[in-house]
């Protein structure tokens, strides 16, 4: 299990990776983790990644299925971790700490 702590302005988000599953939590809300299927996606962001979904009614469901499929092709937790960091950095999230297998969190370099 890997936890990555991201900052986005004043907001703190934690991405938990267990095997090839990715879950998300915003501190201060409930402290619980939500799987991809429970996320509220922004249609403009989804269309930017998947332009073919512009006229689909089930755009959110299809986008989540594609993401699950993409994650299932990855070989390890570390590969999923690197993918999460690179994708979230594009949208302004700054990775600050990483915690692997229950050990103490380590600061990530800039």
N, C-alpha and C. Protein backbone atom coordinates (compact mmCIF):
# COMPACT_ATOMS: atom_id res chain seq x y z
N UNK A 1 0.84 -1.18 0.00
CA UNK A 1 0.00 0.00 0.00
C UNK A 1 0.88 1.24 0.00
N UNK A 2 0.51 2.19 -0.85
CA UNK A 2 1.24 3.45 -0.96
C UNK A 2 0.25 4.60 -0.80
N UNK A 3 0.58 5.56 0.04
CA UNK A 3 -0.20 6.79 0.17
C UNK A 3 0.66 7.95 -0.35
N UNK A 4 0.07 8.78 -1.20
CA UNK A 4 0.75 9.98 -1.68
C UNK A 4 -0.06 11.17 -1.22
N UNK A 5 0.60 12.12 -0.57
CA UNK A 5 -0.07 13.31 -0.06
C UNK A 5 0.22 14.46 -1.01
N UNK A 6 -0.86 15.05 -1.56
CA UNK A 6 -0.77 16.15 -2.50
C UNK A 6 -1.33 17.41 -1.87
N UNK A 7 -0.76 18.55 -2.26
CA UNK A 7 -1.30 19.85 -1.89
C UNK A 7 -1.85 20.50 -3.16
N UNK A 8 -2.99 21.15 -3.02
CA UNK A 8 -3.58 21.94 -4.09
C UNK A 8 -4.09 23.21 -3.44
N UNK A 9 -3.23 24.23 -3.42
CA UNK A 9 -3.55 25.45 -2.67
C UNK A 9 -3.61 25.11 -1.19
N UNK A 10 -4.75 25.38 -0.55
CA UNK A 10 -4.94 25.08 0.87
C UNK A 10 -5.47 23.66 1.09
N UNK A 11 -5.84 23.00 0.03
CA UNK A 11 -6.44 21.67 0.11
C UNK A 11 -5.36 20.58 0.16
N UNK A 12 -5.63 19.56 0.95
CA UNK A 12 -4.74 18.41 1.02
C UNK A 12 -5.52 17.19 0.54
N UNK A 13 -4.93 16.44 -0.40
CA UNK A 13 -5.57 15.25 -0.91
C UNK A 13 -4.62 14.07 -0.75
N UNK A 14 -5.18 12.93 -0.40
CA UNK A 14 -4.38 11.72 -0.26
C UNK A 14 -4.85 10.73 -1.31
N UNK A 15 -3.90 10.17 -2.05
CA UNK A 15 -4.18 9.12 -3.02
C UNK A 15 -3.62 7.84 -2.42
N UNK A 16 -4.48 6.84 -2.24
CA UNK A 16 -4.06 5.55 -1.71
C UNK A 16 -4.05 4.53 -2.84
N UNK A 17 -2.94 3.82 -2.97
CA UNK A 17 -2.80 2.80 -4.00
C UNK A 17 -2.64 1.46 -3.31
N UNK A 18 -3.57 0.56 -3.61
CA UNK A 18 -3.51 -0.80 -3.08
C UNK A 18 -3.53 -1.73 -4.28
N UNK A 19 -2.40 -2.32 -4.58
CA UNK A 19 -2.31 -3.14 -5.79
C UNK A 19 -2.46 -2.24 -6.99
N UNK A 20 -3.51 -2.49 -7.78
CA UNK A 20 -3.76 -1.65 -8.95
C UNK A 20 -5.00 -0.79 -8.76
N UNK A 21 -5.49 -0.70 -7.53
CA UNK A 21 -6.64 0.17 -7.22
C UNK A 21 -6.15 1.50 -6.70
N UNK A 22 -6.83 2.56 -7.11
CA UNK A 22 -6.49 3.89 -6.64
C UNK A 22 -7.72 4.47 -5.94
N UNK A 23 -7.52 5.01 -4.72
CA UNK A 23 -8.61 5.63 -3.97
C UNK A 23 -8.17 7.03 -3.54
N UNK A 24 -9.16 7.88 -3.28
CA UNK A 24 -8.88 9.28 -2.99
C UNK A 24 -9.56 9.73 -1.71
N UNK A 25 -8.90 10.65 -0.99
CA UNK A 25 -9.48 11.23 0.22
C UNK A 25 -9.05 12.68 0.33
N UNK A 26 -9.99 13.52 0.73
CA UNK A 26 -9.67 14.91 1.04
C UNK A 26 -9.71 15.04 2.54
N UNK A 27 -8.62 15.49 3.13
CA UNK A 27 -8.58 15.61 4.58
C UNK A 27 -9.56 16.68 5.03
N UNK A 28 -10.12 16.48 6.17
CA UNK A 28 -11.06 17.44 6.70
C UNK A 28 -12.49 17.14 6.34
N UNK A 29 -12.73 16.26 5.37
CA UNK A 29 -14.11 15.94 4.98
C UNK A 29 -14.61 14.81 5.87
N UNK A 30 -14.21 13.60 5.59
CA UNK A 30 -14.63 12.46 6.41
C UNK A 30 -13.45 11.58 6.80
N UNK A 31 -12.36 11.70 6.08
CA UNK A 31 -11.21 10.85 6.35
C UNK A 31 -11.33 9.49 5.70
N UNK A 32 -12.42 9.24 4.99
CA UNK A 32 -12.57 7.95 4.31
C UNK A 32 -12.10 8.08 2.87
N UNK A 33 -11.81 6.95 2.26
CA UNK A 33 -11.31 6.92 0.90
C UNK A 33 -12.43 6.53 -0.06
N UNK A 34 -12.45 7.19 -1.20
CA UNK A 34 -13.44 6.90 -2.23
C UNK A 34 -12.75 6.27 -3.43
N UNK A 35 -13.33 5.20 -3.98
CA UNK A 35 -12.76 4.61 -5.19
C UNK A 35 -13.08 5.49 -6.40
N UNK A 36 -12.48 5.17 -7.52
CA UNK A 36 -12.69 5.94 -8.75
C UNK A 36 -14.17 6.08 -9.09
N UNK A 37 -14.93 5.03 -8.89
CA UNK A 37 -16.34 5.03 -9.26
C UNK A 37 -17.19 6.03 -8.51
N UNK A 38 -16.71 6.53 -7.38
CA UNK A 38 -17.49 7.49 -6.59
C UNK A 38 -17.07 8.93 -6.82
N UNK A 39 -16.07 9.15 -7.65
CA UNK A 39 -15.61 10.51 -7.89
C UNK A 39 -16.58 11.25 -8.79
N UNK A 40 -16.72 12.53 -8.53
CA UNK A 40 -17.49 13.40 -9.42
C UNK A 40 -16.49 14.00 -10.40
N UNK A 41 -16.62 13.62 -11.63
CA UNK A 41 -15.69 14.08 -12.65
C UNK A 41 -16.22 15.33 -13.34
N UNK A 42 -15.32 16.16 -13.77
CA UNK A 42 -15.66 17.35 -14.53
C UNK A 42 -15.75 16.97 -16.00
N UNK A 43 -16.89 17.25 -16.63
CA UNK A 43 -17.09 16.83 -18.02
C UNK A 43 -16.05 17.44 -18.95
N UNK A 44 -15.68 18.71 -18.74
CA UNK A 44 -14.67 19.34 -19.60
C UNK A 44 -13.33 18.64 -19.49
N UNK A 45 -12.95 18.23 -18.28
CA UNK A 45 -11.70 17.50 -18.09
C UNK A 45 -11.73 16.13 -18.76
N UNK A 46 -12.88 15.45 -18.66
CA UNK A 46 -13.01 14.14 -19.28
C UNK A 46 -12.95 14.28 -20.80
N UNK A 47 -13.61 15.28 -21.34
CA UNK A 47 -13.61 15.49 -22.80
C UNK A 47 -12.20 15.82 -23.29
N UNK A 48 -11.43 16.53 -22.48
CA UNK A 48 -10.04 16.84 -22.86
C UNK A 48 -9.22 15.56 -23.00
N UNK A 49 -9.45 14.60 -22.10
CA UNK A 49 -8.72 13.33 -22.14
C UNK A 49 -9.32 12.36 -23.17
N UNK A 50 -10.64 12.36 -23.28
CA UNK A 50 -11.35 11.42 -24.17
C UNK A 50 -12.32 12.21 -25.05
N UNK A 51 -11.84 12.83 -26.11
CA UNK A 51 -12.71 13.66 -26.95
C UNK A 51 -13.89 12.89 -27.57
N UNK A 52 -13.76 11.59 -27.72
CA UNK A 52 -14.84 10.81 -28.33
C UNK A 52 -16.07 10.70 -27.42
N UNK A 53 -15.97 11.11 -26.17
CA UNK A 53 -17.10 11.00 -25.24
C UNK A 53 -17.98 12.26 -25.20
N UNK A 54 -17.72 13.20 -26.08
CA UNK A 54 -18.43 14.49 -26.02
C UNK A 54 -19.95 14.33 -26.14
N UNK A 55 -20.43 13.39 -26.92
CA UNK A 55 -21.88 13.22 -27.10
C UNK A 55 -22.45 12.02 -26.37
N UNK A 56 -21.67 11.38 -25.53
CA UNK A 56 -22.13 10.20 -24.79
C UNK A 56 -22.92 10.61 -23.55
N UNK A 57 -24.02 9.93 -23.31
CA UNK A 57 -24.80 10.19 -22.09
C UNK A 57 -24.09 9.63 -20.85
N UNK A 58 -23.48 8.47 -21.00
CA UNK A 58 -22.78 7.81 -19.88
C UNK A 58 -21.30 8.14 -19.88
N UNK A 59 -20.93 9.37 -20.18
CA UNK A 59 -19.52 9.76 -20.31
C UNK A 59 -18.74 9.47 -19.04
N UNK A 60 -19.35 9.70 -17.88
CA UNK A 60 -18.63 9.51 -16.62
C UNK A 60 -18.34 8.02 -16.39
N UNK A 61 -19.31 7.18 -16.60
CA UNK A 61 -19.15 5.74 -16.41
C UNK A 61 -18.09 5.18 -17.36
N UNK A 62 -18.14 5.61 -18.62
CA UNK A 62 -17.17 5.14 -19.62
C UNK A 62 -15.76 5.60 -19.26
N UNK A 63 -15.60 6.84 -18.81
CA UNK A 63 -14.29 7.37 -18.43
C UNK A 63 -13.70 6.58 -17.26
N UNK A 64 -14.54 6.25 -16.27
CA UNK A 64 -14.06 5.49 -15.12
C UNK A 64 -13.67 4.07 -15.53
N UNK A 65 -14.45 3.47 -16.43
CA UNK A 65 -14.10 2.14 -16.93
C UNK A 65 -12.77 2.16 -17.66
N UNK A 66 -12.54 3.19 -18.46
CA UNK A 66 -11.27 3.31 -19.19
C UNK A 66 -10.10 3.48 -18.22
N UNK A 67 -10.32 4.26 -17.17
CA UNK A 67 -9.27 4.47 -16.18
C UNK A 67 -8.96 3.16 -15.46
N UNK A 68 -10.00 2.41 -15.05
CA UNK A 68 -9.78 1.11 -14.41
C UNK A 68 -9.01 0.18 -15.32
N UNK A 69 -9.38 0.17 -16.59
CA UNK A 69 -8.69 -0.70 -17.56
C UNK A 69 -7.23 -0.30 -17.70
N UNK A 70 -6.97 1.01 -17.75
CA UNK A 70 -5.60 1.51 -17.86
C UNK A 70 -4.77 1.10 -16.63
N UNK A 71 -5.35 1.23 -15.45
CA UNK A 71 -4.64 0.87 -14.22
C UNK A 71 -4.37 -0.64 -14.16
N UNK A 72 -5.31 -1.44 -14.65
CA UNK A 72 -5.15 -2.89 -14.59
C UNK A 72 -3.99 -3.38 -15.46
N UNK A 73 -3.59 -2.59 -16.44
CA UNK A 73 -2.48 -2.97 -17.32
C UNK A 73 -1.12 -2.67 -16.70
N UNK A 74 -1.10 -1.91 -15.64
CA UNK A 74 0.17 -1.55 -15.00
C UNK A 74 0.71 -2.73 -14.20
N UNK A 75 2.03 -2.78 -14.08
CA UNK A 75 2.68 -3.97 -13.52
C UNK A 75 2.81 -3.96 -12.00
N UNK A 76 2.85 -2.79 -11.38
CA UNK A 76 3.11 -2.74 -9.95
C UNK A 76 2.51 -1.50 -9.31
N UNK A 77 2.49 -1.50 -7.97
CA UNK A 77 2.03 -0.32 -7.23
C UNK A 77 2.90 0.88 -7.54
N UNK A 78 4.20 0.66 -7.69
CA UNK A 78 5.11 1.78 -7.98
C UNK A 78 4.79 2.42 -9.32
N UNK A 79 4.42 1.61 -10.32
CA UNK A 79 4.06 2.17 -11.62
C UNK A 79 2.77 2.99 -11.52
N UNK A 80 1.81 2.50 -10.75
CA UNK A 80 0.56 3.25 -10.53
C UNK A 80 0.87 4.54 -9.79
N UNK A 81 1.77 4.48 -8.83
CA UNK A 81 2.18 5.66 -8.04
C UNK A 81 2.79 6.72 -8.96
N UNK A 82 3.69 6.32 -9.82
CA UNK A 82 4.32 7.27 -10.75
C UNK A 82 3.29 7.87 -11.69
N UNK A 83 2.35 7.05 -12.15
CA UNK A 83 1.30 7.53 -13.03
C UNK A 83 0.43 8.58 -12.32
N UNK A 84 0.03 8.29 -11.09
CA UNK A 84 -0.81 9.22 -10.32
C UNK A 84 -0.10 10.56 -10.13
N UNK A 85 1.18 10.50 -9.78
CA UNK A 85 1.94 11.74 -9.58
C UNK A 85 2.03 12.55 -10.86
N UNK A 86 2.36 11.89 -11.97
CA UNK A 86 2.54 12.64 -13.22
C UNK A 86 1.21 13.23 -13.70
N UNK A 87 0.10 12.49 -13.56
CA UNK A 87 -1.19 12.99 -14.02
C UNK A 87 -1.68 14.15 -13.16
N UNK A 88 -1.55 14.04 -11.84
CA UNK A 88 -2.06 15.09 -10.97
C UNK A 88 -1.20 16.35 -11.01
N UNK A 89 0.10 16.20 -11.27
CA UNK A 89 0.97 17.37 -11.41
C UNK A 89 0.50 18.26 -12.55
N UNK A 90 -0.01 17.65 -13.62
CA UNK A 90 -0.50 18.42 -14.78
C UNK A 90 -1.61 19.38 -14.39
N UNK A 91 -2.37 19.04 -13.35
CA UNK A 91 -3.51 19.84 -12.96
C UNK A 91 -3.26 20.68 -11.72
N UNK A 92 -1.98 20.85 -11.35
CA UNK A 92 -1.63 21.75 -10.27
C UNK A 92 -1.49 21.12 -8.90
N UNK A 93 -1.66 19.81 -8.79
CA UNK A 93 -1.48 19.14 -7.50
C UNK A 93 0.02 18.92 -7.28
N UNK A 94 0.49 19.26 -6.09
CA UNK A 94 1.91 19.16 -5.78
C UNK A 94 2.13 17.99 -4.81
N UNK A 95 2.86 16.95 -5.25
CA UNK A 95 3.12 15.83 -4.34
C UNK A 95 4.11 16.25 -3.26
N UNK A 96 3.74 16.07 -1.99
CA UNK A 96 4.60 16.51 -0.89
C UNK A 96 5.23 15.33 -0.15
N UNK A 97 4.44 14.28 0.11
CA UNK A 97 4.96 13.16 0.89
C UNK A 97 4.46 11.84 0.30
N UNK A 98 5.23 10.80 0.57
CA UNK A 98 4.83 9.46 0.16
C UNK A 98 5.05 8.52 1.34
N UNK A 99 4.12 7.62 1.52
CA UNK A 99 4.19 6.66 2.62
C UNK A 99 3.98 5.28 2.02
N UNK A 100 4.96 4.39 2.20
CA UNK A 100 4.89 3.05 1.62
C UNK A 100 4.81 2.00 2.72
N UNK A 101 3.86 1.09 2.54
CA UNK A 101 3.70 -0.08 3.41
C UNK A 101 3.67 0.24 4.90
N UNK A 102 3.06 1.35 5.28
CA UNK A 102 2.90 1.69 6.68
C UNK A 102 4.11 2.34 7.34
N UNK A 103 5.19 2.54 6.60
CA UNK A 103 6.35 3.20 7.18
C UNK A 103 6.09 4.71 7.27
N UNK A 104 6.97 5.42 7.92
CA UNK A 104 6.81 6.86 8.06
C UNK A 104 6.77 7.55 6.71
N UNK A 105 5.99 8.62 6.62
CA UNK A 105 5.98 9.37 5.35
C UNK A 105 7.33 10.01 5.08
N UNK A 106 7.70 10.02 3.81
CA UNK A 106 8.94 10.66 3.40
C UNK A 106 8.61 11.86 2.52
N UNK A 107 9.32 12.95 2.73
CA UNK A 107 9.12 14.15 1.91
C UNK A 107 9.61 13.86 0.49
N UNK A 108 8.88 14.37 -0.48
CA UNK A 108 9.30 14.24 -1.87
C UNK A 108 10.04 15.52 -2.25
N UNK A 109 11.07 15.37 -3.04
CA UNK A 109 11.82 16.55 -3.49
C UNK A 109 11.04 17.24 -4.58
N UNK A 110 11.31 18.52 -4.74
CA UNK A 110 10.58 19.32 -5.73
C UNK A 110 10.99 19.00 -7.10
